[in-house]
Amino acid sequence: MSRVGILTCGGDCPGLNAAIRAVTRKLIISYDYEVLGIKNGYNGLIEGDVQPLSLYSVSGVLPRGGTILGTSRKNPLQIKNGKEAILENLNRFEIDSLVVIGSKSAIETANVLSRSGVRTVCIPGTIDNDIPGTDFTIGFDTAVTIATRAIDMVHTTAESHHRIIVVELMGYDTGWIATYAGLAGGADCILIPEVKFTLDETAALLKKRHKRRKFSIVVVAEGAIPDDVKDFRALSSKTDALGNSYVGSIGEFVGVELAKRTGMETRVTTLGYLQRGGSPSVPDRILATRLGVAAADKIKNKEFSVMVGVVGDKIATTPIDKVTGQVKKVNLEMFDAASTFFG
């Protein structure tokens, strides 16, 4: 009997459990495979921390946020003998193939393991929606929904007090959440890493708007740095174990600077990890289920070293070496549509 391991790695996001459930159920019901859950990302493969997954163990997890397997941002390739330990434990537990659900960093590690002979299939799961080869990643829709609701709620207090309210959203390399939530929430200005902007230009836009409307909502992605700021001291030089940068509060910085430049009272709201939490949205549950089933089919058909995604309304397959080392940037046509409503 074939045995498949499943792990989740990188930042958590709503919908991971739906994907775990779909892979497990498809492999067991349709193909009579054994399934093992690997705990806490690649750490579980290094430490040999695995558990059997059954139809019972994935029952009821569809609406749950987070991941029942746990996750980690640790890069196993930076741990002494990490890759060797992974290969040894894959052999020890007789794991024939591996399903990796997670972020860009998780897929990059899977690509390295694939070159060493590990039979891998990847599923993109991140709220950032920054992975090529798919229109949407698991978790993105839920994060956008949460962010949009927050923007809706701050509108009333901004209008009541005639304030600028800056809403900082996640997105270090890309502004997908900021663009979608800003457009859906009626933001008066959206600041993202992909589009250059200056604080002076932003302040001028808000002052012009202030002649008509006495409040404004500014949405800023955490990685959006003003072009006229050479030394943003809130930006940390530290990185986590997977090489992801930590960033200080650009929202606070922008809020202070806009208050100086406009003379308007300004407040800042940082959503932070609220965007990762809670029950997955309907679109995320459906996406995770479709991708989980597709990944199981790839395992059965012995199509390895690939990532499954969705392009248009169809399942798409991309070699993982074509995904790694790239970042899917915001569609500027959509951003231009959003900018129609600025000011």
Protein backbone atom coordinates (compact mmCIF):
# COMPACT_ATOMS: atom_id res chain seq x y z
CA MET A 1 0.00 0.00 0.00
CA SER A 2 1.33 3.46 -0.92
CA ARG A 3 1.92 5.88 1.94
CA VAL A 4 1.68 9.67 1.56
CA GLY A 5 2.85 12.34 4.00
CA ILE A 6 1.15 15.72 4.36
CA LEU A 7 2.65 18.81 5.98
CA THR A 8 1.81 22.49 6.33
CA CYS A 9 4.65 24.99 6.44
CA GLY A 10 5.05 28.77 6.61
CA GLY A 11 2.54 31.28 7.95
CA ASP A 12 -0.82 29.79 8.83
CA CYS A 13 -3.94 30.80 6.94
CA PRO A 14 -7.62 29.87 6.88
CA GLY A 15 -8.30 26.89 4.63
CA LEU A 16 -5.27 24.74 5.41
CA ASN A 17 -7.43 22.20 7.24
CA ALA A 18 -9.84 22.05 4.32
CA ALA A 19 -6.90 21.15 2.07
CA ILE A 20 -5.60 18.52 4.52
CA ARG A 21 -9.09 17.03 4.68
CA ALA A 22 -9.48 16.93 0.90
CA VAL A 23 -6.11 15.27 0.26
CA THR A 24 -6.69 12.72 3.02
CA ARG A 25 -10.23 11.78 2.02
CA LYS A 26 -9.41 11.52 -1.69
CA LEU A 27 -6.35 9.34 -1.10
CA ILE A 28 -8.14 7.01 1.32
CA ILE A 29 -11.57 6.75 -0.30
CA SER A 30 -10.62 6.78 -3.98
CA TYR A 31 -7.17 5.22 -3.96
CA ASP A 32 -6.91 3.20 -0.72
CA TYR A 33 -3.65 4.95 0.26
CA GLU A 34 -2.27 5.34 3.76
CA VAL A 35 -1.86 8.95 4.89
CA LEU A 36 0.50 10.33 7.53
CA GLY A 37 0.26 13.83 8.99
CA ILE A 38 3.65 15.44 9.60
CA LYS A 39 3.63 17.77 12.60
CA ASN A 40 4.87 21.36 12.59
CA GLY A 41 6.07 21.68 9.02
CA TYR A 42 9.41 20.27 7.98
CA ASN A 43 10.36 20.07 11.67
CA GLY A 44 8.20 16.97 11.93
CA LEU A 45 10.24 15.26 9.23
CA ILE A 46 13.49 16.17 10.95
CA GLU A 47 12.28 14.98 14.36
CA GLY A 48 10.21 12.04 13.13
CA ASP A 49 7.01 13.54 14.54
CA VAL A 50 4.28 11.99 12.40
CA GLN A 51 0.80 10.61 13.01
CA PRO A 52 -1.65 8.56 10.95
CA LEU A 53 -4.47 10.51 9.34
CA SER A 54 -7.83 8.81 8.94
CA LEU A 55 -11.30 9.77 7.77
CA TYR A 56 -12.15 10.25 11.44
CA SER A 57 -9.18 12.51 12.21
CA VAL A 58 -10.11 14.95 9.43
CA SER A 59 -13.81 14.91 10.25
CA GLY A 60 -15.13 18.32 11.29
CA VAL A 61 -12.02 20.28 10.31
CA LEU A 62 -13.46 21.94 7.19
CA PRO A 63 -14.58 25.16 8.97
CA ARG A 64 -11.58 25.37 11.31
CA GLY A 65 -8.89 27.99 10.84
CA GLY A 66 -5.20 27.32 11.42
CA THR A 67 -3.81 23.85 10.80
CA ILE A 68 -4.42 20.66 12.78
CA LEU A 69 -0.88 19.56 11.88
CA GLY A 70 0.82 22.69 13.19
CA THR A 71 3.27 24.74 11.18
CA SER A 72 6.70 26.31 11.45
CA ARG A 73 8.77 28.96 9.71
CA LYS A 74 12.03 27.14 10.38
CA ASN A 75 14.07 26.41 7.27
CA PRO A 76 15.22 22.77 7.52
CA LEU A 77 17.99 23.43 5.00
CA GLN A 78 19.60 25.84 7.47
CA ILE A 79 19.65 23.22 10.21
CA LYS A 80 22.77 21.08 10.42
CA ASN A 81 22.04 17.76 8.69
CA GLY A 82 18.42 18.90 8.28
CA LYS A 83 17.98 17.60 4.75
CA GLU A 84 19.70 14.32 5.63
CA ALA A 85 17.33 13.85 8.60
CA ILE A 86 14.32 14.49 6.36
CA LEU A 87 15.46 11.94 3.80
CA GLU A 88 16.21 9.42 6.54
CA ASN A 89 12.77 9.79 8.14
CA LEU A 90 10.96 9.63 4.83
CA ASN A 91 12.65 6.26 4.36
CA ARG A 92 12.08 5.22 7.98
CA PHE A 93 8.33 5.87 7.82
CA GLU A 94 8.14 4.46 4.28
CA ILE A 95 6.63 7.67 2.93
CA ASP A 96 6.46 7.29 -0.85
CA SER A 97 5.43 10.85 -1.64
CA LEU A 98 4.91 14.18 0.07
CA VAL A 99 2.18 16.83 -0.15
CA VAL A 100 3.42 20.26 0.95
CA ILE A 101 0.80 22.91 1.69
CA GLY A 102 2.13 26.40 2.30
CA SER A 103 3.94 29.55 1.32
CA LYS A 104 6.64 30.42 -1.22
CA SER A 105 9.33 29.38 1.25
CA ALA A 106 7.68 26.01 1.85
CA ILE A 107 7.52 25.36 -1.90
CA GLU A 108 11.15 26.42 -2.35
CA THR A 109 12.20 23.83 0.24
CA ALA A 110 10.04 21.23 -1.51
CA ASN A 111 11.86 22.02 -4.74
CA VAL A 112 15.23 21.32 -3.11
CA LEU A 113 13.92 18.02 -1.71
CA SER A 114 12.49 17.15 -5.12
CA ARG A 115 15.96 17.47 -6.64
CA SER A 116 17.12 14.94 -4.06
CA GLY A 117 14.55 12.43 -5.24
CA VAL A 118 11.61 13.22 -2.94
CA ARG A 119 8.33 12.85 -4.84
CA THR A 120 6.48 16.05 -4.02
CA VAL A 121 3.23 17.80 -4.90
CA CYS A 122 2.63 21.33 -3.58
CA ILE A 123 -0.51 23.31 -2.75
CA PRO A 124 -0.23 27.12 -2.41
CA GLY A 125 -1.50 28.34 0.96
CA THR A 126 -0.83 31.93 2.02
CA ILE A 127 -2.95 35.01 2.67
CA ASP A 128 -0.45 37.05 0.60
CA ASN A 129 -1.57 35.55 -2.77
CA ASP A 130 1.98 36.07 -4.05
CA ILE A 131 2.71 32.62 -5.53
CA PRO A 132 2.87 32.31 -9.35
CA GLY A 133 0.99 29.54 -11.13
CA THR A 134 -2.38 30.23 -9.54
CA ASP A 135 -4.88 33.07 -9.62
CA PHE A 136 -5.57 32.72 -5.91
CA THR A 137 -3.92 31.03 -2.94
CA ILE A 138 -5.71 29.40 -0.04
CA GLY A 139 -6.40 31.96 2.71
CA PHE A 140 -6.37 35.07 0.54
CA ASP A 141 -10.14 35.45 0.20
CA THR A 142 -10.68 35.13 3.95
CA ALA A 143 -7.98 37.71 4.71
CA VAL A 144 -9.48 40.15 2.20
CA THR A 145 -12.94 39.64 3.70
CA ILE A 146 -11.65 40.36 7.21
CA ALA A 147 -9.73 43.42 6.02
CA THR A 148 -12.72 44.75 4.07
CA ARG A 149 -14.96 44.46 7.12
CA ALA A 150 -12.40 46.39 9.15
CA ILE A 151 -12.26 49.16 6.54
CA ASP A 152 -16.08 49.28 6.51
CA MET A 153 -16.08 49.74 10.29
CA VAL A 154 -13.49 52.52 10.47
CA HIS A 155 -15.40 54.59 7.88
CA THR A 156 -17.99 55.67 10.43
CA THR A 157 -15.52 56.76 13.09
CA ALA A 158 -13.35 58.54 10.51
CA GLU A 159 -16.38 60.45 9.24
CA SER A 160 -17.68 61.26 12.73
CA HIS A 161 -14.38 62.77 13.89
CA HIS A 162 -13.25 64.18 10.50
CA ARG A 163 -10.06 62.14 10.62
CA ILE A 164 -7.62 60.39 8.37
CA ILE A 165 -7.52 56.73 9.36
CA VAL A 166 -4.60 54.66 8.11
CA VAL A 167 -5.29 50.92 7.93
CA GLU A 168 -2.15 48.77 7.73
CA LEU A 169 -2.61 45.36 6.13
CA MET A 170 -0.27 42.42 5.60
CA GLY A 171 1.77 42.17 2.41
CA TYR A 172 5.52 42.64 2.61
CA ASP A 173 6.50 41.98 -1.02
CA THR A 174 3.10 42.51 -2.61
CA GLY A 175 -0.08 44.48 -2.03
CA TRP A 176 -2.73 41.95 -2.98
CA ILE A 177 -4.70 42.21 0.27
CA ALA A 178 -4.41 46.00 0.35
CA THR A 179 -5.55 46.33 -3.28
CA TYR A 180 -8.54 44.00 -3.02
CA ALA A 181 -9.69 45.12 0.43
CA GLY A 182 -9.04 48.77 -0.38
CA LEU A 183 -11.10 48.54 -3.55
CA ALA A 184 -13.90 46.58 -1.86
CA GLY A 185 -13.90 48.85 1.20
CA GLY A 186 -13.89 52.14 -0.70
CA ALA A 187 -10.47 53.35 0.45
CA ASP A 188 -9.53 56.87 -0.62
CA CYS A 189 -5.89 55.91 -1.14
CA ILE A 190 -4.08 52.57 -1.40
CA LEU A 191 -0.31 52.28 -0.92
CA ILE A 192 1.41 49.08 -2.08
CA PRO A 193 5.01 47.93 -2.75
CA GLU A 194 4.41 47.56 -6.51
CA VAL A 195 3.48 51.20 -7.12
CA LYS A 196 5.83 54.07 -6.29
CA PHE A 197 4.42 56.85 -4.15
CA THR A 198 5.62 59.77 -2.06
CA LEU A 199 4.27 61.14 1.19
CA ASP A 200 3.98 64.60 -0.33
CA GLU A 201 1.84 63.30 -3.22
CA THR A 202 -0.33 61.33 -0.81
CA ALA A 203 -0.79 64.33 1.48
CA ALA A 204 -1.70 66.54 -1.49
CA LEU A 205 -4.34 64.02 -2.59
CA LEU A 206 -5.89 63.96 0.88
CA LYS A 207 -5.87 67.76 1.24
CA LYS A 208 -7.66 68.06 -2.09
CA ARG A 209 -10.25 65.54 -0.95
CA HIS A 210 -10.61 67.39 2.37
CA LYS A 211 -12.15 70.34 0.53
CA ARG A 212 -15.12 68.11 -0.32
CA ARG A 213 -15.09 65.40 2.34
CA LYS A 214 -13.65 65.90 5.81
CA PHE A 215 -12.35 62.36 6.32
CA SER A 216 -10.21 59.84 4.47
CA ILE A 217 -9.31 56.15 4.64
CA VAL A 218 -5.75 55.24 3.63
CA VAL A 219 -4.91 51.55 3.19
CA VAL A 220 -1.21 50.66 3.27
CA ALA A 221 0.49 47.28 2.77
CA GLU A 222 3.17 46.59 5.38
CA GLY A 223 5.92 46.52 2.74
CA ALA A 224 4.97 49.79 1.01
CA ILE A 225 7.83 52.25 1.57
CA PRO A 226 7.45 55.88 0.41
CA ASP A 227 9.76 56.83 -2.44
CA ASP A 228 10.74 60.06 -0.68
CA VAL A 229 11.95 58.30 2.48
CA LYS A 230 15.53 57.14 2.20
CA ASP A 231 15.88 55.86 5.73
CA PHE A 232 12.78 54.23 7.13
CA ARG A 233 14.08 53.36 10.58
CA ALA A 234 11.04 51.28 11.48
CA LEU A 235 12.16 48.78 8.84
CA SER A 236 13.97 45.95 10.57
CA SER A 237 16.96 44.25 9.03
CA LYS A 238 16.06 40.98 10.77
CA THR A 239 14.69 37.95 8.98
CA ASP A 240 12.99 34.85 10.31
CA ALA A 241 14.24 31.29 9.86
CA LEU A 242 12.74 31.04 6.37
CA GLY A 243 14.34 34.30 5.22
CA ASN A 244 11.16 36.39 5.46
CA SER A 245 11.78 40.00 6.49
CA TYR A 246 10.33 41.51 9.62
CA VAL A 247 8.99 44.99 9.03
CA GLY A 248 8.23 47.75 11.51
CA SER A 249 4.92 49.58 11.43
CA ILE A 250 4.80 51.46 8.15
CA GLY A 251 1.22 52.34 9.09
CA GLU A 252 2.34 54.29 12.17
CA PHE A 253 5.06 56.01 10.16
CA VAL A 254 2.70 57.01 7.36
CA GLY A 255 0.10 58.17 9.88
CA VAL A 256 2.53 60.49 11.65
CA GLU A 257 3.89 61.90 8.40
CA LEU A 258 0.45 62.51 6.88
CA ALA A 259 -0.65 64.33 10.04
CA LYS A 260 2.39 66.61 9.72
CA ARG A 261 1.85 67.28 6.03
CA THR A 262 -1.94 67.76 6.09
CA GLY A 263 -2.57 69.21 9.53
CA MET A 264 -5.41 66.72 9.91
CA GLU A 265 -6.03 64.52 12.91
CA THR A 266 -4.82 61.02 12.03
CA ARG A 267 -5.31 57.59 13.59
CA VAL A 268 -3.78 54.22 12.67
CA THR A 269 -5.24 50.72 12.80
CA THR A 270 -3.00 47.69 12.23
CA LEU A 271 -4.95 44.49 11.60
CA GLY A 272 -1.94 42.20 11.93
CA TYR A 273 -2.70 38.57 12.72
CA LEU A 274 -6.46 39.04 12.63
CA GLN A 275 -6.03 38.55 8.88
CA ARG A 276 -4.71 35.01 9.45
CA GLY A 277 -7.33 33.87 11.92
CA GLY A 278 -10.85 32.57 12.01
CA SER A 279 -12.95 30.25 9.92
CA PRO A 280 -12.19 30.14 6.18
CA SER A 281 -14.60 31.83 3.78
CA VAL A 282 -16.75 29.81 1.38
CA PRO A 283 -14.43 30.55 -1.60
CA ASP A 284 -11.40 29.44 0.44
CA ARG A 285 -13.09 26.21 1.51
CA ILE A 286 -13.96 25.42 -2.10
CA LEU A 287 -10.50 26.37 -3.41
CA ALA A 288 -8.74 24.30 -0.73
CA THR A 289 -10.98 21.31 -1.43
CA ARG A 290 -10.43 21.49 -5.19
CA LEU A 291 -6.66 21.83 -4.82
CA GLY A 292 -6.52 19.03 -2.25
CA VAL A 293 -8.37 16.64 -4.56
CA ALA A 294 -6.16 17.70 -7.48
CA ALA A 295 -3.00 17.07 -5.43
CA ALA A 296 -4.22 13.58 -4.53
CA ASP A 297 -4.87 12.88 -8.20
CA LYS A 298 -1.32 13.99 -9.06
CA ILE A 299 0.03 11.56 -6.46
CA LYS A 300 -2.02 8.71 -7.91
CA ASN A 301 -0.93 9.55 -11.46
CA LYS A 302 2.71 9.86 -10.38
CA GLU A 303 2.94 13.49 -11.52
CA PHE A 304 5.52 14.86 -9.10
CA SER A 305 7.58 18.03 -8.61
CA VAL A 306 4.51 20.11 -9.41
CA MET A 307 2.23 22.65 -7.75
CA VAL A 308 -1.51 22.62 -8.31
CA GLY A 309 -3.34 25.93 -8.63
CA VAL A 310 -6.38 27.43 -10.26
CA VAL A 311 -6.26 29.63 -13.37
CA GLY A 312 -9.57 30.95 -14.59
CA ASP A 313 -11.90 28.29 -13.26
CA LYS A 314 -9.70 25.32 -14.09
CA ILE A 315 -7.05 23.41 -12.16
CA ALA A 316 -3.57 24.29 -13.41
CA THR A 317 -0.33 22.39 -12.89
CA THR A 318 3.04 24.16 -12.72
CA PRO A 319 6.50 22.60 -12.21
CA ILE A 320 7.69 23.79 -8.82
CA ASP A 321 11.03 24.92 -10.22
CA LYS A 322 9.02 27.44 -12.29
CA VAL A 323 7.34 28.77 -9.15
CA THR A 324 10.35 29.20 -6.88
CA GLY A 325 12.38 32.39 -6.83
CA GLN A 326 9.47 34.41 -8.21
CA VAL A 327 6.85 36.67 -6.69
CA LYS A 328 3.43 37.22 -8.24
CA LYS A 329 2.88 40.98 -8.21
CA VAL A 330 -0.43 42.82 -8.10
CA ASN A 331 -2.24 43.18 -11.41
CA LEU A 332 -1.68 46.88 -12.15
CA GLU A 333 -4.82 47.01 -14.29
CA MET A 334 -6.82 46.25 -11.15
CA PHE A 335 -4.83 48.79 -9.15
CA ASP A 336 -5.53 51.42 -11.80
CA ALA A 337 -9.23 50.62 -11.47
CA ALA A 338 -8.98 51.15 -7.71
CA SER A 339 -7.09 54.42 -8.17
CA THR A 340 -10.09 55.81 -10.07
CA PHE A 341 -11.71 56.25 -6.66
CA PHE A 342 -8.75 57.89 -4.91
CA GLY A 343 -9.24 61.38 -3.54
